[in-house]
Amino acid sequence: MAGNTSVAAQQQPRGQFSLVRCVATCLLTLIVLAGLAVLIAWLVISPKKLVYTLENGSVQNFNLTNNHLNATFDFVLRAFNRNRRISVYYDYIESTVTYEDQTLAFNTVDPFFQPHRNVSRIKPKLVALNLAMSPSTSKDLMIEKTSKEIQVDVHFKARIRLKVGTWKSNHRTLRIVCYSVTVHLSWYKHFDRVPCEAEL
């Protein structure tokens, strides 16, 4: 009788071990299959970075008096979607122009949909209306004004969704920064294109 009890006690752990091993094998198989599915999808979709270039920029009605700025900034941002299968919903876009880390003007841009292999242009108009500036920043801006051009940074922040076939992603935040953008106070001056940095 005691011998039978000993055999049963030995068989029970073996049965539990076999069950654990079976579950672990199934989980590992699922992980491997999921990884292969993601890899195959990535290879098929072959995602490429979105490319942004500031094509044009100008400033009108520039007036800086008693550390208060009035000006209208116009920019043209070229958005190039190089992807063959990925389209982009731009659901919300805000644009900002800054000088020495001070915001000069802010505005939003109408949402739009960008198909794959497409070039779209975003044209924000940003207005500084009696904007109070720090004395030191105002002084630096006045010095640049004498050369008939000023150098600013242009920022874009967007909430986007990616679309592949009928699938749509959740919202993601896209940040675009165009550094050291020279805008001329004289309208006839040539504008040099500026490549922008994008982070998704």
N, C-alpha and C. Protein backbone atom coordinates (compact mmCIF):
# COMPACT_ATOMS: atom_id res chain seq x y z
N MET A 1 0.84 -1.22 0.00
CA MET A 1 0.00 0.00 0.00
C MET A 1 0.86 1.25 0.00
N ALA A 2 1.89 1.20 0.80
CA ALA A 2 2.80 2.35 0.87
C ALA A 2 3.52 2.53 -0.44
N GLY A 3 3.84 1.41 -1.11
CA GLY A 3 4.53 1.50 -2.40
C GLY A 3 3.68 2.17 -3.44
N ASN A 4 2.37 1.87 -3.49
CA ASN A 4 1.46 2.51 -4.44
C ASN A 4 1.37 4.00 -4.20
N THR A 5 1.35 4.38 -2.95
CA THR A 5 1.30 5.83 -2.63
C THR A 5 2.53 6.53 -3.13
N SER A 6 3.68 5.89 -3.02
CA SER A 6 4.93 6.49 -3.47
C SER A 6 4.94 6.68 -4.98
N VAL A 7 4.43 5.69 -5.71
CA VAL A 7 4.38 5.80 -7.18
C VAL A 7 3.45 6.92 -7.61
N ALA A 8 2.29 7.05 -6.96
CA ALA A 8 1.33 8.12 -7.30
C ALA A 8 1.92 9.48 -7.03
N ALA A 9 2.69 9.60 -5.95
CA ALA A 9 3.32 10.88 -5.62
C ALA A 9 4.36 11.26 -6.64
N GLN A 10 5.03 10.26 -7.23
CA GLN A 10 6.03 10.55 -8.25
C GLN A 10 5.39 10.92 -9.59
N GLN A 11 4.24 10.29 -9.90
CA GLN A 11 3.58 10.56 -11.17
C GLN A 11 2.94 11.93 -11.22
N GLN A 12 2.45 12.43 -10.10
CA GLN A 12 1.74 13.72 -10.09
C GLN A 12 2.64 14.89 -10.49
N PRO A 13 3.87 15.03 -9.92
CA PRO A 13 4.75 16.13 -10.37
C PRO A 13 5.10 16.03 -11.84
N ARG A 14 5.27 14.77 -12.33
CA ARG A 14 5.59 14.62 -13.75
C ARG A 14 4.46 15.13 -14.63
N GLY A 15 3.21 14.86 -14.21
CA GLY A 15 2.07 15.35 -14.98
C GLY A 15 1.99 16.87 -14.97
N GLN A 16 2.26 17.46 -13.82
CA GLN A 16 2.25 18.92 -13.73
C GLN A 16 3.36 19.53 -14.58
N PHE A 17 4.54 18.88 -14.56
CA PHE A 17 5.66 19.38 -15.36
C PHE A 17 5.34 19.33 -16.85
N SER A 18 4.68 18.25 -17.28
CA SER A 18 4.31 18.13 -18.70
C SER A 18 3.33 19.21 -19.11
N LEU A 19 2.39 19.55 -18.22
CA LEU A 19 1.41 20.60 -18.51
C LEU A 19 2.09 21.97 -18.64
N VAL A 20 3.00 22.25 -17.70
CA VAL A 20 3.75 23.53 -17.74
C VAL A 20 4.57 23.63 -19.01
N ARG A 21 5.22 22.51 -19.37
CA ARG A 21 6.05 22.52 -20.59
C ARG A 21 5.20 22.73 -21.83
N CYS A 22 4.01 22.14 -21.85
CA CYS A 22 3.10 22.30 -22.99
C CYS A 22 2.64 23.75 -23.12
N VAL A 23 2.28 24.37 -21.98
CA VAL A 23 1.84 25.77 -21.99
C VAL A 23 2.98 26.68 -22.44
N ALA A 24 4.18 26.44 -21.91
CA ALA A 24 5.34 27.26 -22.27
C ALA A 24 5.65 27.14 -23.76
N THR A 25 5.54 25.91 -24.30
CA THR A 25 5.79 25.70 -25.73
C THR A 25 4.77 26.43 -26.59
N CYS A 26 3.51 26.38 -26.17
CA CYS A 26 2.45 27.08 -26.91
C CYS A 26 2.68 28.59 -26.91
N LEU A 27 3.04 29.12 -25.72
CA LEU A 27 3.29 30.57 -25.62
C LEU A 27 4.47 30.98 -26.49
N LEU A 28 5.54 30.21 -26.45
CA LEU A 28 6.72 30.51 -27.27
C LEU A 28 6.38 30.47 -28.75
N THR A 29 5.57 29.48 -29.14
CA THR A 29 5.15 29.38 -30.55
C THR A 29 4.34 30.59 -30.97
N LEU A 30 3.43 31.04 -30.10
CA LEU A 30 2.62 32.21 -30.40
C LEU A 30 3.47 33.46 -30.54
N ILE A 31 4.47 33.59 -29.65
CA ILE A 31 5.36 34.76 -29.71
C ILE A 31 6.15 34.77 -31.00
N VAL A 32 6.66 33.61 -31.38
CA VAL A 32 7.43 33.50 -32.63
C VAL A 32 6.56 33.81 -33.84
N LEU A 33 5.33 33.28 -33.86
CA LEU A 33 4.42 33.54 -34.98
C LEU A 33 4.04 35.01 -35.06
N ALA A 34 3.80 35.63 -33.87
CA ALA A 34 3.47 37.07 -33.85
C ALA A 34 4.64 37.89 -34.37
N GLY A 35 5.86 37.50 -33.96
CA GLY A 35 7.05 38.21 -34.44
C GLY A 35 7.22 38.08 -35.94
N LEU A 36 6.98 36.88 -36.46
CA LEU A 36 7.07 36.67 -37.91
C LEU A 36 6.02 37.49 -38.65
N ALA A 37 4.81 37.56 -38.08
CA ALA A 37 3.74 38.33 -38.72
C ALA A 37 4.10 39.81 -38.79
N VAL A 38 4.66 40.33 -37.68
CA VAL A 38 5.08 41.74 -37.66
C VAL A 38 6.20 41.98 -38.67
N LEU A 39 7.17 41.07 -38.72
CA LEU A 39 8.28 41.21 -39.66
C LEU A 39 7.80 41.18 -41.10
N ILE A 40 6.91 40.24 -41.42
CA ILE A 40 6.38 40.15 -42.78
C ILE A 40 5.60 41.41 -43.15
N ALA A 41 4.77 41.89 -42.20
CA ALA A 41 4.00 43.11 -42.45
C ALA A 41 4.92 44.29 -42.68
N TRP A 42 5.98 44.38 -41.88
CA TRP A 42 6.93 45.49 -42.03
C TRP A 42 7.62 45.43 -43.38
N LEU A 43 8.01 44.21 -43.81
CA LEU A 43 8.68 44.06 -45.10
C LEU A 43 7.74 44.40 -46.26
N VAL A 44 6.46 44.02 -46.12
CA VAL A 44 5.49 44.30 -47.17
C VAL A 44 5.19 45.80 -47.25
N ILE A 45 4.96 46.40 -46.08
CA ILE A 45 4.62 47.83 -46.04
C ILE A 45 5.84 48.69 -46.33
N SER A 46 7.01 48.25 -45.84
CA SER A 46 8.27 48.96 -46.04
C SER A 46 8.15 50.46 -45.70
N PRO A 47 7.89 50.79 -44.42
CA PRO A 47 7.66 52.19 -44.05
C PRO A 47 8.88 53.07 -44.25
N LYS A 48 8.65 54.27 -44.74
CA LYS A 48 9.71 55.26 -44.93
C LYS A 48 9.36 56.53 -44.17
N LYS A 49 10.39 57.27 -43.76
CA LYS A 49 10.16 58.50 -43.01
C LYS A 49 9.47 59.54 -43.87
N LEU A 50 8.60 60.31 -43.24
CA LEU A 50 8.00 61.46 -43.91
C LEU A 50 9.04 62.57 -43.99
N VAL A 51 9.08 63.26 -45.12
CA VAL A 51 10.12 64.28 -45.36
C VAL A 51 9.47 65.66 -45.44
N TYR A 52 10.05 66.61 -44.71
CA TYR A 52 9.49 67.97 -44.66
C TYR A 52 10.57 68.99 -45.01
N THR A 53 10.19 69.95 -45.84
CA THR A 53 11.09 71.01 -46.27
C THR A 53 10.34 72.33 -46.26
N LEU A 54 10.96 73.35 -45.69
CA LEU A 54 10.35 74.69 -45.74
C LEU A 54 10.73 75.32 -47.07
N GLU A 55 9.74 75.46 -47.95
CA GLU A 55 10.00 75.93 -49.31
C GLU A 55 10.03 77.44 -49.43
N ASN A 56 9.28 78.11 -48.59
CA ASN A 56 9.20 79.57 -48.71
C ASN A 56 8.87 80.18 -47.35
N GLY A 57 9.31 81.40 -47.17
CA GLY A 57 9.03 82.11 -45.93
C GLY A 57 9.18 83.60 -46.15
N SER A 58 8.30 84.37 -45.56
CA SER A 58 8.38 85.82 -45.70
C SER A 58 7.75 86.49 -44.48
N VAL A 59 8.05 87.74 -44.30
CA VAL A 59 7.47 88.52 -43.21
C VAL A 59 7.04 89.87 -43.77
N GLN A 60 5.84 90.28 -43.42
CA GLN A 60 5.31 91.57 -43.88
C GLN A 60 4.89 92.40 -42.65
N ASN A 61 4.73 93.68 -42.90
CA ASN A 61 4.24 94.62 -41.89
C ASN A 61 5.05 94.54 -40.60
N PHE A 62 6.36 94.37 -40.76
CA PHE A 62 7.23 94.24 -39.59
C PHE A 62 7.43 95.59 -38.92
N ASN A 63 7.08 95.64 -37.65
CA ASN A 63 7.24 96.88 -36.90
C ASN A 63 7.57 96.54 -35.45
N LEU A 64 8.71 97.00 -34.98
CA LEU A 64 9.15 96.76 -33.61
C LEU A 64 9.37 98.11 -32.94
N THR A 65 8.47 98.44 -32.01
CA THR A 65 8.52 99.74 -31.34
C THR A 65 8.29 99.54 -29.85
N ASN A 66 9.18 100.14 -29.06
CA ASN A 66 9.04 100.07 -27.59
C ASN A 66 8.88 98.63 -27.11
N ASN A 67 9.70 97.75 -27.65
CA ASN A 67 9.72 96.32 -27.27
C ASN A 67 8.41 95.61 -27.56
N HIS A 68 7.64 96.10 -28.52
CA HIS A 68 6.40 95.46 -28.93
C HIS A 68 6.46 95.19 -30.44
N LEU A 69 6.14 93.97 -30.81
CA LEU A 69 6.28 93.55 -32.21
C LEU A 69 4.94 93.37 -32.89
N ASN A 70 4.87 93.87 -34.12
CA ASN A 70 3.77 93.59 -35.03
C ASN A 70 4.37 93.04 -36.32
N ALA A 71 3.89 91.89 -36.77
CA ALA A 71 4.43 91.30 -37.99
C ALA A 71 3.52 90.17 -38.45
N THR A 72 3.60 89.88 -39.74
CA THR A 72 2.86 88.75 -40.31
C THR A 72 3.85 87.83 -41.00
N PHE A 73 3.88 86.58 -40.56
CA PHE A 73 4.79 85.58 -41.13
C PHE A 73 4.00 84.60 -42.00
N ASP A 74 4.53 84.35 -43.18
CA ASP A 74 3.94 83.38 -44.10
C ASP A 74 4.99 82.33 -44.44
N PHE A 75 4.59 81.05 -44.35
CA PHE A 75 5.51 79.97 -44.67
C PHE A 75 4.81 78.95 -45.56
N VAL A 76 5.63 78.19 -46.29
CA VAL A 76 5.13 77.08 -47.09
C VAL A 76 5.97 75.86 -46.72
N LEU A 77 5.31 74.88 -46.08
CA LEU A 77 5.98 73.65 -45.69
C LEU A 77 5.61 72.54 -46.67
N ARG A 78 6.60 71.96 -47.29
CA ARG A 78 6.40 70.85 -48.23
C ARG A 78 6.45 69.54 -47.46
N ALA A 79 5.38 68.77 -47.53
CA ALA A 79 5.30 67.48 -46.86
C ALA A 79 5.32 66.38 -47.93
N PHE A 80 6.31 65.52 -47.89
CA PHE A 80 6.46 64.46 -48.88
C PHE A 80 6.25 63.11 -48.20
N ASN A 81 5.18 62.41 -48.59
CA ASN A 81 4.93 61.05 -48.11
C ASN A 81 5.49 60.08 -49.14
N ARG A 82 6.63 59.48 -48.82
CA ARG A 82 7.33 58.61 -49.77
C ARG A 82 6.77 57.19 -49.79
N ASN A 83 5.89 56.88 -48.88
CA ASN A 83 5.43 55.51 -48.71
C ASN A 83 4.50 55.07 -49.83
N ARG A 84 4.60 53.80 -50.18
CA ARG A 84 3.76 53.22 -51.25
C ARG A 84 2.41 52.75 -50.73
N ARG A 85 2.34 52.44 -49.44
CA ARG A 85 1.11 51.86 -48.90
C ARG A 85 0.56 52.60 -47.69
N ILE A 86 1.28 53.59 -47.19
CA ILE A 86 0.86 54.30 -45.99
C ILE A 86 0.35 55.69 -46.34
N SER A 87 -0.87 56.01 -45.93
CA SER A 87 -1.43 57.35 -46.06
C SER A 87 -1.48 57.98 -44.68
N VAL A 88 -1.66 59.30 -44.64
CA VAL A 88 -1.59 60.02 -43.36
C VAL A 88 -2.78 60.96 -43.21
N TYR A 89 -3.44 60.86 -42.06
CA TYR A 89 -4.45 61.84 -41.66
C TYR A 89 -3.79 62.86 -40.75
N TYR A 90 -3.79 64.13 -41.15
CA TYR A 90 -3.35 65.21 -40.28
C TYR A 90 -4.61 65.81 -39.65
N ASP A 91 -4.93 65.35 -38.44
CA ASP A 91 -6.19 65.75 -37.81
C ASP A 91 -6.10 67.10 -37.10
N TYR A 92 -4.90 67.45 -36.66
CA TYR A 92 -4.72 68.75 -35.99
C TYR A 92 -3.28 69.19 -36.20
N ILE A 93 -3.11 70.45 -36.60
CA ILE A 93 -1.76 70.99 -36.83
C ILE A 93 -1.68 72.39 -36.23
N GLU A 94 -0.65 72.61 -35.44
CA GLU A 94 -0.38 73.96 -34.95
C GLU A 94 1.02 74.37 -35.39
N SER A 95 1.17 75.64 -35.71
CA SER A 95 2.47 76.14 -36.16
C SER A 95 2.89 77.32 -35.28
N THR A 96 4.19 77.41 -35.04
CA THR A 96 4.73 78.44 -34.16
C THR A 96 6.02 78.97 -34.76
N VAL A 97 6.23 80.26 -34.67
CA VAL A 97 7.51 80.84 -35.06
C VAL A 97 8.15 81.44 -33.81
N THR A 98 9.43 81.10 -33.60
CA THR A 98 10.12 81.56 -32.39
C THR A 98 11.41 82.28 -32.75
N TYR A 99 11.82 83.15 -31.84
CA TYR A 99 13.08 83.87 -31.98
C TYR A 99 13.75 83.87 -30.61
N GLU A 100 14.94 83.27 -30.54
CA GLU A 100 15.66 83.15 -29.26
C GLU A 100 14.76 82.56 -28.17
N ASP A 101 14.07 81.50 -28.53
CA ASP A 101 13.19 80.76 -27.61
C ASP A 101 11.95 81.54 -27.17
N GLN A 102 11.72 82.72 -27.75
CA GLN A 102 10.48 83.43 -27.45
C GLN A 102 9.51 83.24 -28.62
N THR A 103 8.28 82.88 -28.28
CA THR A 103 7.26 82.70 -29.31
C THR A 103 6.83 84.05 -29.86
N LEU A 104 6.95 84.19 -31.18
CA LEU A 104 6.54 85.44 -31.83
C LEU A 104 5.10 85.36 -32.33
N ALA A 105 4.70 84.18 -32.83
CA ALA A 105 3.35 84.04 -33.38
C ALA A 105 2.96 82.57 -33.39
N PHE A 106 1.64 82.35 -33.35
CA PHE A 106 1.09 80.99 -33.28
C PHE A 106 -0.20 80.95 -34.08
N ASN A 107 -0.42 79.79 -34.74
CA ASN A 107 -1.68 79.62 -35.45
C ASN A 107 -1.90 78.13 -35.71
N THR A 108 -3.12 77.78 -36.08
CA THR A 108 -3.44 76.40 -36.45
C THR A 108 -3.69 76.32 -37.95
N VAL A 109 -3.57 75.11 -38.47
CA VAL A 109 -3.73 74.86 -39.91
C VAL A 109 -4.89 73.88 -40.09
N ASP A 110 -5.63 74.04 -41.18
CA ASP A 110 -6.76 73.15 -41.44
C ASP A 110 -6.27 71.70 -41.59
N PRO A 111 -7.02 70.74 -41.03
CA PRO A 111 -6.64 69.33 -41.17
C PRO A 111 -6.78 68.88 -42.63
N PHE A 112 -6.04 67.82 -42.98
CA PHE A 112 -6.13 67.29 -44.34
C PHE A 112 -5.67 65.84 -44.36
N PHE A 113 -5.96 65.18 -45.47
CA PHE A 113 -5.55 63.78 -45.68
C PHE A 113 -4.50 63.73 -46.77
N GLN A 114 -3.40 63.01 -46.51
CA GLN A 114 -2.34 62.89 -47.50
C GLN A 114 -2.21 61.44 -47.98
N PRO A 115 -2.52 61.19 -49.24
CA PRO A 115 -2.39 59.82 -49.78
C PRO A 115 -0.91 59.39 -49.83
N HIS A 116 -0.69 58.12 -50.14
CA HIS A 116 0.68 57.63 -50.30
C HIS A 116 1.27 58.19 -51.59
N ARG A 117 2.60 58.27 -51.60
CA ARG A 117 3.37 58.82 -52.73
C ARG A 117 2.82 60.18 -53.14
N ASN A 118 2.71 61.07 -52.17
CA ASN A 118 2.06 62.36 -52.42
C ASN A 118 2.90 63.50 -51.83
N VAL A 119 2.84 64.65 -52.49
CA VAL A 119 3.43 65.88 -51.97
C VAL A 119 2.30 66.86 -51.64
N SER A 120 2.24 67.30 -50.39
CA SER A 120 1.25 68.30 -49.97
C SER A 120 1.98 69.51 -49.42
N ARG A 121 1.32 70.65 -49.47
CA ARG A 121 1.93 71.88 -48.95
C ARG A 121 1.05 72.50 -47.88
N ILE A 122 1.67 72.80 -46.76
CA ILE A 122 1.00 73.42 -45.61
C ILE A 122 1.40 74.90 -45.60
N LYS A 123 0.39 75.78 -45.56
CA LYS A 123 0.67 77.22 -45.71
C LYS A 123 0.12 78.00 -44.52
N PRO A 124 0.86 78.01 -43.41
CA PRO A 124 0.38 78.76 -42.25
C PRO A 124 0.66 80.26 -42.37
N LYS A 125 -0.25 81.04 -41.84
CA LYS A 125 -0.06 82.49 -41.71
C LYS A 125 -0.07 82.79 -40.21
N LEU A 126 1.01 83.37 -39.71
CA LEU A 126 1.14 83.61 -38.28
C LEU A 126 1.29 85.11 -38.04
N VAL A 127 0.49 85.63 -37.15
CA VAL A 127 0.45 87.08 -36.92
C VAL A 127 0.90 87.40 -35.50
N ALA A 128 1.88 88.29 -35.40
CA ALA A 128 2.29 88.85 -34.11
C ALA A 128 1.60 90.19 -33.96
N LEU A 129 0.76 90.33 -32.94
CA LEU A 129 -0.03 91.54 -32.77
C LEU A 129 0.31 92.20 -31.43
N ASN A 130 1.08 93.28 -31.52
CA ASN A 130 1.47 94.03 -30.33
C ASN A 130 2.08 93.12 -29.27
N LEU A 131 2.97 92.24 -29.71
CA LEU A 131 3.57 91.25 -28.83
C LEU A 131 4.66 91.89 -27.97
N ALA A 132 4.54 91.76 -26.65
CA ALA A 132 5.55 92.29 -25.73
C ALA A 132 6.77 91.38 -25.74
N MET A 133 7.95 91.97 -25.89
CA MET A 133 9.19 91.21 -25.92
C MET A 133 10.12 91.70 -24.82
N SER A 134 11.01 90.83 -24.38
CA SER A 134 11.99 91.23 -23.38
C SER A 134 12.94 92.24 -24.02
N PRO A 135 13.47 93.18 -23.24
CA PRO A 135 14.37 94.20 -23.80
C PRO A 135 15.57 93.60 -24.55
N SER A 136 16.18 92.54 -23.99
CA SER A 136 17.36 91.96 -24.64
C SER A 136 17.00 91.31 -25.98
N THR A 137 15.88 90.58 -26.02
CA THR A 137 15.44 89.95 -27.26
C THR A 137 15.04 90.99 -28.29
N SER A 138 14.37 92.03 -27.83
CA SER A 138 13.97 93.12 -28.72
C SER A 138 15.19 93.81 -29.32
N LYS A 139 16.22 93.99 -28.51
CA LYS A 139 17.45 94.63 -28.99
C LYS A 139 18.12 93.78 -30.07
N ASP A 140 18.21 92.46 -29.83
CA ASP A 140 18.83 91.57 -30.82
C ASP A 140 18.03 91.56 -32.13
N LEU A 141 16.72 91.59 -32.01
CA LEU A 141 15.88 91.58 -33.21
C LEU A 141 16.04 92.88 -34.00
N MET A 142 16.18 93.99 -33.30
CA MET A 142 16.40 95.27 -33.97
C MET A 142 17.73 95.29 -34.71
N ILE A 143 18.75 94.68 -34.11
CA ILE A 143 20.06 94.61 -34.77
C ILE A 143 19.95 93.81 -36.06
N GLU A 144 19.24 92.66 -36.00
CA GLU A 144 19.07 91.85 -37.21
C GLU A 144 18.26 92.59 -38.26
N LYS A 145 17.31 93.39 -37.80
CA LYS A 145 16.43 94.11 -38.73
C LYS A 145 17.23 95.05 -39.63
N THR A 146 18.32 95.59 -39.11
CA THR A 146 19.12 96.53 -39.91
C THR A 146 19.72 95.86 -41.15
N SER A 147 19.88 94.53 -41.10
CA SER A 147 20.43 93.80 -42.25
C SER A 147 19.32 93.37 -43.21
N LYS A 148 18.08 93.78 -42.92
CA LYS A 148 16.93 93.47 -43.77
C LYS A 148 16.56 91.99 -43.78
N GLU A 149 16.99 91.26 -42.76
CA GLU A 149 16.59 89.87 -42.63
C GLU A 149 16.69 89.45 -41.17
N ILE A 150 15.84 88.50 -40.79
CA ILE A 150 15.88 87.98 -39.44
C ILE A 150 15.87 86.45 -39.50
N GLN A 151 16.42 85.84 -38.47
CA GLN A 151 16.53 84.38 -38.44
C GLN A 151 15.64 83.83 -37.33
N VAL A 152 14.74 82.95 -37.68
CA VAL A 152 13.78 82.40 -36.73
C VAL A 152 13.77 80.88 -36.84
N ASP A 153 13.10 80.24 -35.89
CA ASP A 153 12.82 78.81 -35.96
C ASP A 153 11.33 78.63 -36.17
N VAL A 154 10.96 77.66 -36.98
CA VAL A 154 9.55 77.41 -37.27
C VAL A 154 9.20 76.00 -36.79
N HIS A 155 8.18 75.89 -35.97
CA HIS A 155 7.79 74.62 -35.37
C HIS A 155 6.39 74.22 -35.84
N PHE A 156 6.20 72.92 -36.03
CA PHE A 156 4.88 72.36 -36.32
C PHE A 156 4.65 71.19 -35.37
N LYS A 157 3.46 71.14 -34.80
CA LYS A 157 3.08 70.01 -33.95
C LYS A 157 1.74 69.49 -34.46
N ALA A 158 1.70 68.21 -34.80
CA ALA A 158 0.50 67.66 -35.41
C ALA A 158 0.08 66.36 -34.73
N ARG A 159 -1.21 66.13 -34.72
CA ARG A 159 -1.76 64.83 -34.30
C ARG A 159 -2.16 64.10 -35.58
N ILE A 160 -1.51 62.97 -35.82
CA ILE A 160 -1.72 62.27 -37.08
C ILE A 160 -2.16 60.83 -36.83
N ARG A 161 -2.78 60.24 -37.86
CA ARG A 161 -3.08 58.82 -37.88
C ARG A 161 -2.55 58.24 -39.18
N LEU A 162 -2.00 57.04 -39.11
CA LEU A 162 -1.50 56.37 -40.29
C LEU A 162 -2.56 55.39 -40.80
N LYS A 163 -2.65 55.26 -42.11
CA LYS A 163 -3.65 54.39 -42.73
C LYS A 163 -2.97 53.43 -43.70
N VAL A 164 -3.21 52.13 -43.48
CA VAL A 164 -2.71 51.09 -44.38
C VAL A 164 -3.90 50.23 -44.77
N GLY A 165 -4.31 50.31 -46.03
CA GLY A 165 -5.52 49.60 -46.45
C GLY A 165 -6.73 50.17 -45.73
N THR A 166 -7.43 49.32 -44.99
CA THR A 166 -8.58 49.78 -44.20
C THR A 166 -8.21 50.00 -42.75
N TRP A 167 -6.99 49.64 -42.37
CA TRP A 167 -6.54 49.80 -40.98
C TRP A 167 -6.06 51.21 -40.71
N LYS A 168 -6.42 51.75 -39.56
CA LYS A 168 -5.98 53.08 -39.15
C LYS A 168 -5.38 53.00 -37.75
N SER A 169 -4.28 53.68 -37.56
CA SER A 169 -3.61 53.66 -36.26
C SER A 169 -4.30 54.63 -35.30
N ASN A 170 -3.92 54.54 -34.03
CA ASN A 170 -4.33 55.55 -33.06
C ASN A 170 -3.58 56.84 -33.34
N HIS A 171 -3.99 57.92 -32.67
CA HIS A 171 -3.32 59.20 -32.86
C HIS A 171 -1.87 59.14 -32.38
N ARG A 172 -1.01 59.77 -33.14
CA ARG A 172 0.39 59.93 -32.76
C ARG A 172 0.75 61.40 -32.85
N THR A 173 1.72 61.81 -32.06
CA THR A 173 2.16 63.21 -32.09
C THR A 173 3.38 63.33 -32.99
N LEU A 174 3.28 64.20 -33.98
CA LEU A 174 4.38 64.47 -34.90
C LEU A 174 4.91 65.87 -34.64
N ARG A 175 6.21 65.98 -34.42
CA ARG A 175 6.86 67.28 -34.21
C ARG A 175 7.84 67.55 -35.34
N ILE A 176 7.70 68.72 -35.94
CA ILE A 176 8.57 69.14 -37.04
C ILE A 176 9.22 70.46 -36.64
N VAL A 177 10.54 70.56 -36.80
CA VAL A 177 11.24 71.80 -36.47
C VAL A 177 12.13 72.19 -37.65
N CYS A 178 11.98 73.43 -38.08
CA CYS A 178 12.82 73.99 -39.14
C CYS A 178 13.70 75.05 -38.47
N TYR A 179 14.97 74.73 -38.31
CA TYR A 179 15.88 75.62 -37.58
C TYR A 179 16.52 76.66 -38.49
N SER A 180 16.83 77.80 -37.88
CA SER A 180 17.62 78.86 -38.55
C SER A 180 17.05 79.23 -39.91
N VAL A 181 15.79 79.62 -39.90
CA VAL A 181 15.12 80.02 -41.14
C VAL A 181 15.30 81.53 -41.33
N THR A 182 15.91 81.91 -42.42
CA THR A 182 16.14 83.33 -42.71
C THR A 182 14.98 83.87 -43.53
N VAL A 183 14.27 84.85 -42.97
CA VAL A 183 13.20 85.52 -43.71
C VAL A 183 13.63 86.96 -43.98
N HIS A 184 13.38 87.40 -45.19
CA HIS A 184 13.85 88.71 -45.62
C HIS A 184 12.74 89.75 -45.47
N LEU A 185 13.14 90.93 -45.07
CA LEU A 185 12.18 92.02 -44.97
C LEU A 185 11.93 92.65 -46.33
N SER A 186 12.78 92.33 -47.30
CA SER A 186 12.58 92.80 -48.67
C SER A 186 11.96 91.66 -49.49
N TRP A 187 10.84 91.91 -50.11
CA TRP A 187 10.07 90.86 -50.76
C TRP A 187 10.80 90.21 -51.93
N TYR A 188 11.73 90.94 -52.57
CA TYR A 188 12.36 90.43 -53.78
C TYR A 188 13.55 89.51 -53.47
N LYS A 189 13.91 89.35 -52.22
CA LYS A 189 15.04 88.49 -51.88
C LYS A 189 14.68 87.02 -52.07
N HIS A 190 15.68 86.24 -52.50
CA HIS A 190 15.46 84.80 -52.71
C HIS A 190 15.41 84.07 -51.38
N PHE A 191 14.49 83.10 -51.27
CA PHE A 191 14.40 82.30 -50.06
C PHE A 191 15.11 80.97 -50.27
N ASP A 192 15.99 80.63 -49.35
CA ASP A 192 16.73 79.37 -49.43
C ASP A 192 15.94 78.29 -48.69
N ARG A 193 15.67 77.20 -49.37
CA ARG A 193 14.92 76.10 -48.76
C ARG A 193 15.63 75.58 -47.53
N VAL A 194 14.83 75.16 -46.54
CA VAL A 194 15.39 74.67 -45.28
C VAL A 194 14.86 73.25 -45.01
N PRO A 195 15.74 72.26 -44.93
CA PRO A 195 15.26 70.92 -44.53
C PRO A 195 14.86 70.92 -43.06
N CYS A 196 13.80 70.23 -42.73
CA CYS A 196 13.28 70.24 -41.37
C CYS A 196 13.46 68.88 -40.72
N GLU A 197 13.56 68.89 -39.41
CA GLU A 197 13.68 67.66 -38.64
C GLU A 197 12.30 67.22 -38.16
N ALA A 198 12.01 65.94 -38.28
CA ALA A 198 10.71 65.41 -37.87
C ALA A 198 10.90 64.28 -36.88
N GLU A 199 10.05 64.29 -35.85
CA GLU A 199 10.09 63.24 -34.83
C GLU A 199 8.69 62.73 -34.59
N LEU A 200 8.52 61.44 -34.74
CA LEU A 200 7.19 60.82 -34.59
C LEU A 200 7.19 59.88 -33.40
